[in-house]
Amino acid sequence: GRQRVNAIPGVEVSASTCCLPLEGGFDLPFDILGRPQGKDPNTGDAGWMNASPGYFATFHIPLRGRDFTDQDTGAAPGVVIINETMAKKWWPKEDPIGQQIVIGKGVGPQFVEPARQIIGVASDIHDGGLNRDPRELMIVPQAQVTDGMTALNAGIAPVAWIVRTHGDPHQYIAAVTEQLRQASGGFP
């Protein structure tokens, strides 16, 4: 879908995501590998969302490290991007890039997944509303979302497409809609 949309003349970049800024989302527990466990079974909780490559570029969200690529598939090693708030809280004196976290342990067997390597730190966004401080946030590539996470997320937030264009974005609605319909095999 992204390649089709990005090929439309006048489209700069596009991405898909479960969760748009200001919409909020849900939290999941995480563990930092190599950290001693306290009395809590998990290191902490943070917001969780997924995004395709291009998400940060589409919204012009500064990112330190690397963005997701089309090579971050379900067959590739698990990766995650965290936000500045999470980085400052859990790695106040070190760089979290290269560290590993396990997301969702203890939530249920359908959420069990291997450790993910932190590949980037994104600038904070107000994902829960303009009147709220940014919360800790973990972003995983859409292509690496487990079936359990997909089922949980489907009831909360359907997939949204974001498109950055040259000029009036309204003139691109028909073309974008048609390319997404073709890419999905005819789904509206």
C-alpha atoms as a PDB file:
ATOM      1  CA  GLY A   1       0.000   0.000   0.000  1.00  0.00           C
ATOM      2  CA  ARG A   2       2.728   2.499   0.949  1.00  0.00           C
ATOM      3  CA  GLN A   3       4.605   2.034  -2.315  1.00  0.00           C
ATOM      4  CA  ARG A   4       1.399   2.639  -4.304  1.00  0.00           C
ATOM      5  CA  VAL A   5       0.488   5.767  -2.334  1.00  0.00           C
ATOM      6  CA  ASN A   6       4.050   7.124  -2.413  1.00  0.00           C
ATOM      7  CA  ALA A   7       4.065   6.723  -6.218  1.00  0.00           C
ATOM      8  CA  ILE A   8       1.162   9.177  -6.647  1.00  0.00           C
ATOM      9  CA  PRO A   9       2.578  12.419  -8.098  1.00  0.00           C
ATOM     10  CA  GLY A  10       2.571  15.085  -5.397  1.00  0.00           C
ATOM     11  CA  VAL A  11       2.750  12.662  -2.459  1.00  0.00           C
ATOM     12  CA  GLU A  12       5.905  13.240  -0.404  1.00  0.00           C
ATOM     13  CA  VAL A  13       5.614  10.339   2.019  1.00  0.00           C
ATOM     14  CA  SER A  14       2.945   8.144   3.569  1.00  0.00           C
ATOM     15  CA  ALA A  15       2.637   5.737   6.454  1.00  0.00           C
ATOM     16  CA  SER A  16       0.087   3.669   8.292  1.00  0.00           C
ATOM     17  CA  THR A  17      -0.392   3.290  12.016  1.00  0.00           C
ATOM     18  CA  CYS A  18      -2.803   2.011  14.595  1.00  0.00           C
ATOM     19  CA  CYS A  19      -2.761   5.147  16.689  1.00  0.00           C
ATOM     20  CA  LEU A  20      -2.725   8.776  15.620  1.00  0.00           C
ATOM     21  CA  PRO A  21      -1.317  11.553  17.803  1.00  0.00           C
ATOM     22  CA  LEU A  22      -3.839  12.905  20.343  1.00  0.00           C
ATOM     23  CA  GLU A  23      -5.867   9.670  20.229  1.00  0.00           C
ATOM     24  CA  GLY A  24      -4.120   7.899  23.100  1.00  0.00           C
ATOM     25  CA  GLY A  25      -3.925   4.105  23.038  1.00  0.00           C
ATOM     26  CA  PHE A  26      -3.176   1.424  25.579  1.00  0.00           C
ATOM     27  CA  ASP A  27      -0.297   0.517  27.887  1.00  0.00           C
ATOM     28  CA  LEU A  28       1.625  -2.737  28.119  1.00  0.00           C
ATOM     29  CA  PRO A  29       4.228  -3.939  30.607  1.00  0.00           C
ATOM     30  CA  PHE A  30       7.841  -4.207  29.532  1.00  0.00           C
ATOM     31  CA  ASP A  31      11.066  -5.619  30.927  1.00  0.00           C
ATOM     32  CA  ILE A  32      14.542  -4.301  30.250  1.00  0.00           C
ATOM     33  CA  LEU A  33      16.874  -7.236  29.638  1.00  0.00           C
ATOM     34  CA  GLY A  34      19.810  -7.348  32.013  1.00  0.00           C
ATOM     35  CA  ARG A  35      18.129  -5.283  34.737  1.00  0.00           C
ATOM     36  CA  PRO A  36      17.586  -6.894  38.118  1.00  0.00           C
ATOM     37  CA  GLN A  37      13.939  -7.611  38.861  1.00  0.00           C
ATOM     38  CA  GLY A  38      12.446  -5.894  41.878  1.00  0.00           C
ATOM     39  CA  LYS A  39       9.296  -6.959  43.667  1.00  0.00           C
ATOM     40  CA  ASP A  40       7.270  -6.064  40.568  1.00  0.00           C
ATOM     41  CA  PRO A  41       7.112  -8.742  37.869  1.00  0.00           C
ATOM     42  CA  ASN A  42       7.799  -6.118  35.180  1.00  0.00           C
ATOM     43  CA  THR A  43      10.199  -3.201  34.892  1.00  0.00           C
ATOM     44  CA  GLY A  44       7.399  -0.786  33.997  1.00  0.00           C
ATOM     45  CA  ASP A  45       4.432   0.035  31.769  1.00  0.00           C
ATOM     46  CA  ALA A  46       4.401   2.237  28.681  1.00  0.00           C
ATOM     47  CA  GLY A  47       2.102   3.166  25.845  1.00  0.00           C
ATOM     48  CA  TRP A  48       2.201   0.804  22.867  1.00  0.00           C
ATOM     49  CA  MET A  49       1.519   1.473  19.222  1.00  0.00           C
ATOM     50  CA  ASN A  50       2.606   0.255  15.815  1.00  0.00           C
ATOM     51  CA  ALA A  51       3.620   2.143  12.698  1.00  0.00           C
ATOM     52  CA  SER A  52       4.924   1.498   9.220  1.00  0.00           C
ATOM     53  CA  PRO A  53       8.183   2.893   7.880  1.00  0.00           C
ATOM     54  CA  GLY A  54       7.709   6.581   7.096  1.00  0.00           C
ATOM     55  CA  TYR A  55       5.564   7.388  10.165  1.00  0.00           C
ATOM     56  CA  PHE A  56       8.123   9.717  11.756  1.00  0.00           C
ATOM     57  CA  ALA A  57       8.964  11.406   8.442  1.00  0.00           C
ATOM     58  CA  THR A  58       5.294  11.966   7.627  1.00  0.00           C
ATOM     59  CA  PHE A  59       4.695  13.792  10.907  1.00  0.00           C
ATOM     60  CA  HIS A  60       8.187  15.407  10.916  1.00  0.00           C
ATOM     61  CA  ILE A  61       8.931  13.787  14.295  1.00  0.00           C
ATOM     62  CA  PRO A  62      12.679  13.993  14.948  1.00  0.00           C
ATOM     63  CA  LEU A  63      14.250  10.576  15.436  1.00  0.00           C
ATOM     64  CA  ARG A  64      17.671   9.649  16.793  1.00  0.00           C
ATOM     65  CA  GLY A  65      18.869   6.257  15.595  1.00  0.00           C
ATOM     66  CA  ARG A  66      17.129   4.617  12.669  1.00  0.00           C
ATOM     67  CA  ASP A  67      13.569   4.421  11.414  1.00  0.00           C
ATOM     68  CA  PHE A  68      11.762   1.208  10.551  1.00  0.00           C
ATOM     69  CA  THR A  69      12.467  -0.146   7.082  1.00  0.00           C
ATOM     70  CA  ASP A  70      10.745  -2.659   4.811  1.00  0.00           C
ATOM     71  CA  GLN A  71      13.333  -5.189   6.055  1.00  0.00           C
ATOM     72  CA  ASP A  72      11.812  -5.097   9.587  1.00  0.00           C
ATOM     73  CA  THR A  73       9.481  -7.994   8.810  1.00  0.00           C
ATOM     74  CA  GLY A  74       8.077 -10.724  10.998  1.00  0.00           C
ATOM     75  CA  ALA A  75      11.029 -12.916   9.982  1.00  0.00           C
ATOM     76  CA  ALA A  76      13.613 -10.273  11.021  1.00  0.00           C
ATOM     77  CA  PRO A  77      14.869  -9.656  14.560  1.00  0.00           C
ATOM     78  CA  GLY A  78      12.386  -7.682  16.656  1.00  0.00           C
ATOM     79  CA  VAL A  79      12.948  -3.937  16.917  1.00  0.00           C
ATOM     80  CA  VAL A  80      11.289  -1.060  18.753  1.00  0.00           C
ATOM     81  CA  ILE A  81      11.531   2.726  18.851  1.00  0.00           C
ATOM     82  CA  ILE A  82      10.889   4.457  22.166  1.00  0.00           C
ATOM     83  CA  ASN A  83      10.189   8.109  22.925  1.00  0.00           C
ATOM     84  CA  GLU A  84      12.318  10.615  24.844  1.00  0.00           C
ATOM     85  CA  THR A  85      10.149  10.380  27.966  1.00  0.00           C
ATOM     86  CA  MET A  86      10.771   6.644  28.218  1.00  0.00           C
ATOM     87  CA  ALA A  87      14.468   7.046  27.440  1.00  0.00           C
ATOM     88  CA  LYS A  88      14.942   9.696  30.146  1.00  0.00           C
ATOM     89  CA  LYS A  89      13.094   7.687  32.787  1.00  0.00           C
ATOM     90  CA  TRP A  90      14.697   4.282  32.276  1.00  0.00           C
ATOM     91  CA  TRP A  91      18.120   5.224  30.800  1.00  0.00           C
ATOM     92  CA  PRO A  92      18.886   8.589  32.455  1.00  0.00           C
ATOM     93  CA  LYS A  93      22.666   8.213  32.185  1.00  0.00           C
ATOM     94  CA  GLU A  94      23.076   5.937  29.168  1.00  0.00           C
ATOM     95  CA  ASP A  95      21.950   5.576  25.581  1.00  0.00           C
ATOM     96  CA  PRO A  96      19.027   3.151  25.243  1.00  0.00           C
ATOM     97  CA  ILE A  97      19.793   2.438  21.567  1.00  0.00           C
ATOM     98  CA  GLY A  98      21.076  -1.120  21.393  1.00  0.00           C
ATOM     99  CA  GLN A  99      19.361  -2.147  24.644  1.00  0.00           C
ATOM    100  CA  GLN A 100      16.685  -4.841  24.572  1.00  0.00           C
ATOM    101  CA  ILE A 101      13.188  -4.942  26.036  1.00  0.00           C
ATOM    102  CA  VAL A 102      10.501  -7.609  26.222  1.00  0.00           C
ATOM    103  CA  ILE A 103       6.966  -6.246  25.748  1.00  0.00           C
ATOM    104  CA  GLY A 104       3.793  -7.788  27.165  1.00  0.00           C
ATOM    105  CA  LYS A 105       5.224 -10.509  29.391  1.00  0.00           C
ATOM    106  CA  GLY A 106       2.584 -11.700  31.827  1.00  0.00           C
ATOM    107  CA  VAL A 107      -0.355 -10.257  29.880  1.00  0.00           C
ATOM    108  CA  GLY A 108      -1.248 -13.623  28.351  1.00  0.00           C
ATOM    109  CA  PRO A 109       0.208 -16.341  26.128  1.00  0.00           C
ATOM    110  CA  GLN A 110      -1.009 -14.656  22.934  1.00  0.00           C
ATOM    111  CA  PHE A 111       1.166 -11.620  23.727  1.00  0.00           C
ATOM    112  CA  VAL A 112       4.416 -13.487  24.370  1.00  0.00           C
ATOM    113  CA  GLU A 113       7.141 -12.345  22.003  1.00  0.00           C
ATOM    114  CA  PRO A 114      10.935 -12.380  21.943  1.00  0.00           C
ATOM    115  CA  ALA A 115      13.051  -9.435  23.032  1.00  0.00           C
ATOM    116  CA  ARG A 116      13.150  -6.368  20.793  1.00  0.00           C
ATOM    117  CA  GLN A 117      16.218  -4.192  20.264  1.00  0.00           C
ATOM    118  CA  ILE A 118      15.772  -0.440  20.668  1.00  0.00           C
ATOM    119  CA  ILE A 119      16.844   1.096  17.348  1.00  0.00           C
ATOM    120  CA  GLY A 120      15.714   4.686  17.834  1.00  0.00           C
ATOM    121  CA  VAL A 121      14.512   7.378  20.198  1.00  0.00           C
ATOM    122  CA  ALA A 122      11.744   9.617  18.872  1.00  0.00           C
ATOM    123  CA  SER A 123      10.941  13.087  20.107  1.00  0.00           C
ATOM    124  CA  ASP A 124       7.902  13.212  22.365  1.00  0.00           C
ATOM    125  CA  ILE A 125       4.440  13.846  20.940  1.00  0.00           C
ATOM    126  CA  HIS A 126       1.258  14.612  22.826  1.00  0.00           C
ATOM    127  CA  ASP A 127      -0.354  11.268  22.098  1.00  0.00           C
ATOM    128  CA  GLY A 128      -2.902  11.465  24.919  1.00  0.00           C
ATOM    129  CA  GLY A 129      -4.048  15.046  24.299  1.00  0.00           C
ATOM    130  CA  LEU A 130      -2.598  18.557  24.214  1.00  0.00           C
ATOM    131  CA  ASN A 131      -3.355  19.060  27.907  1.00  0.00           C
ATOM    132  CA  ARG A 132      -1.354  16.013  29.007  1.00  0.00           C
ATOM    133  CA  ASP A 133       2.371  15.496  29.347  1.00  0.00           C
ATOM    134  CA  PRO A 134       3.761  12.930  26.899  1.00  0.00           C
ATOM    135  CA  ARG A 135       3.722   9.433  28.342  1.00  0.00           C
ATOM    136  CA  GLU A 136       6.330   6.734  27.906  1.00  0.00           C
ATOM    137  CA  LEU A 137       5.799   5.160  24.493  1.00  0.00           C
ATOM    138  CA  MET A 138       6.985   2.043  22.626  1.00  0.00           C
ATOM    139  CA  ILE A 139       6.470   1.916  18.837  1.00  0.00           C
ATOM    140  CA  VAL A 140       6.868  -1.377  16.980  1.00  0.00           C
ATOM    141  CA  PRO A 141       6.893  -1.961  13.203  1.00  0.00           C
ATOM    142  CA  GLN A 142       3.495  -3.018  11.844  1.00  0.00           C
ATOM    143  CA  ALA A 143       5.064  -5.989  10.072  1.00  0.00           C
ATOM    144  CA  GLN A 144       6.251  -7.369  13.435  1.00  0.00           C
ATOM    145  CA  VAL A 145       2.974  -7.121  15.357  1.00  0.00           C
ATOM    146  CA  THR A 146       1.986 -10.497  16.814  1.00  0.00           C
ATOM    147  CA  ASP A 147      -1.447 -11.997  16.162  1.00  0.00           C
ATOM    148  CA  GLY A 148      -2.393 -11.398  19.810  1.00  0.00           C
ATOM    149  CA  MET A 149      -1.479  -7.724  19.609  1.00  0.00           C
ATOM    150  CA  THR A 150      -3.313  -7.378  16.292  1.00  0.00           C
ATOM    151  CA  ALA A 151      -6.492  -8.811  17.825  1.00  0.00           C
ATOM    152  CA  LEU A 152      -6.233  -6.568  20.891  1.00  0.00           C
ATOM    153  CA  ASN A 153      -5.521  -3.484  18.820  1.00  0.00           C
ATOM    154  CA  ALA A 154      -8.277  -4.110  16.257  1.00  0.00           C
ATOM    155  CA  GLY A 155     -10.915  -3.488  18.903  1.00  0.00           C
ATOM    156  CA  ILE A 156      -9.311  -0.211  19.938  1.00  0.00           C
ATOM    157  CA  ALA A 157      -7.954   1.497  16.840  1.00  0.00           C
ATOM    158  CA  PRO A 158      -8.295   0.530  13.173  1.00  0.00           C
ATOM    159  CA  VAL A 159      -5.426   1.170  10.784  1.00  0.00           C
ATOM    160  CA  ALA A 160      -5.094   4.841   9.827  1.00  0.00           C
ATOM    161  CA  TRP A 161      -3.208   6.185   6.816  1.00  0.00           C
ATOM    162  CA  ILE A 162      -1.317   9.466   6.940  1.00  0.00           C
ATOM    163  CA  VAL A 163      -0.123  11.161   3.772  1.00  0.00           C
ATOM    164  CA  ARG A 164       2.067  14.255   3.373  1.00  0.00           C
ATOM    165  CA  THR A 165       1.495  16.010   0.056  1.00  0.00           C
ATOM    166  CA  HIS A 166       2.593  19.033  -1.942  1.00  0.00           C
ATOM    167  CA  GLY A 167      -0.301  21.492  -2.110  1.00  0.00           C
ATOM    168  CA  ASP A 168      -3.902  20.953  -1.039  1.00  0.00           C
ATOM    169  CA  PRO A 169      -4.188  17.456   0.476  1.00  0.00           C
ATOM    170  CA  HIS A 170      -7.893  17.198  -0.410  1.00  0.00           C
ATOM    171  CA  GLN A 171      -7.087  16.882  -4.111  1.00  0.00           C
ATOM    172  CA  TYR A 172      -5.325  13.566  -3.376  1.00  0.00           C
ATOM    173  CA  ILE A 173      -8.169  11.806  -1.533  1.00  0.00           C
ATOM    174  CA  ALA A 174      -9.586   9.968  -4.563  1.00  0.00           C
ATOM    175  CA  ALA A 175      -6.178   8.795  -5.811  1.00  0.00           C
ATOM    176  CA  VAL A 176      -5.023   7.641  -2.359  1.00  0.00           C
ATOM    177  CA  THR A 177      -8.325   5.857  -1.719  1.00  0.00           C
ATOM    178  CA  GLU A 178      -8.117   4.063  -5.069  1.00  0.00           C
ATOM    179  CA  GLN A 179      -4.509   2.927  -4.523  1.00  0.00           C
ATOM    180  CA  LEU A 180      -5.337   1.584  -1.048  1.00  0.00           C
ATOM    181  CA  ARG A 181      -8.416  -0.206  -2.428  1.00  0.00           C
ATOM    182  CA  GLN A 182      -6.288  -1.852  -5.118  1.00  0.00           C
ATOM    183  CA  ALA A 183      -3.543  -2.770  -2.638  1.00  0.00           C
ATOM    184  CA  SER A 184      -6.101  -4.398  -0.304  1.00  0.00           C
ATOM    185  CA  GLY A 185      -7.682  -6.451  -3.053  1.00  0.00           C
ATOM    186  CA  GLY A 186     -10.837  -4.352  -3.157  1.00  0.00           C
ATOM    187  CA  PHE A 187     -11.563  -3.661   0.519  1.00  0.00           C
ATOM    188  CA  PRO A 188     -13.088  -0.215   1.083  1.00  0.00           C
END
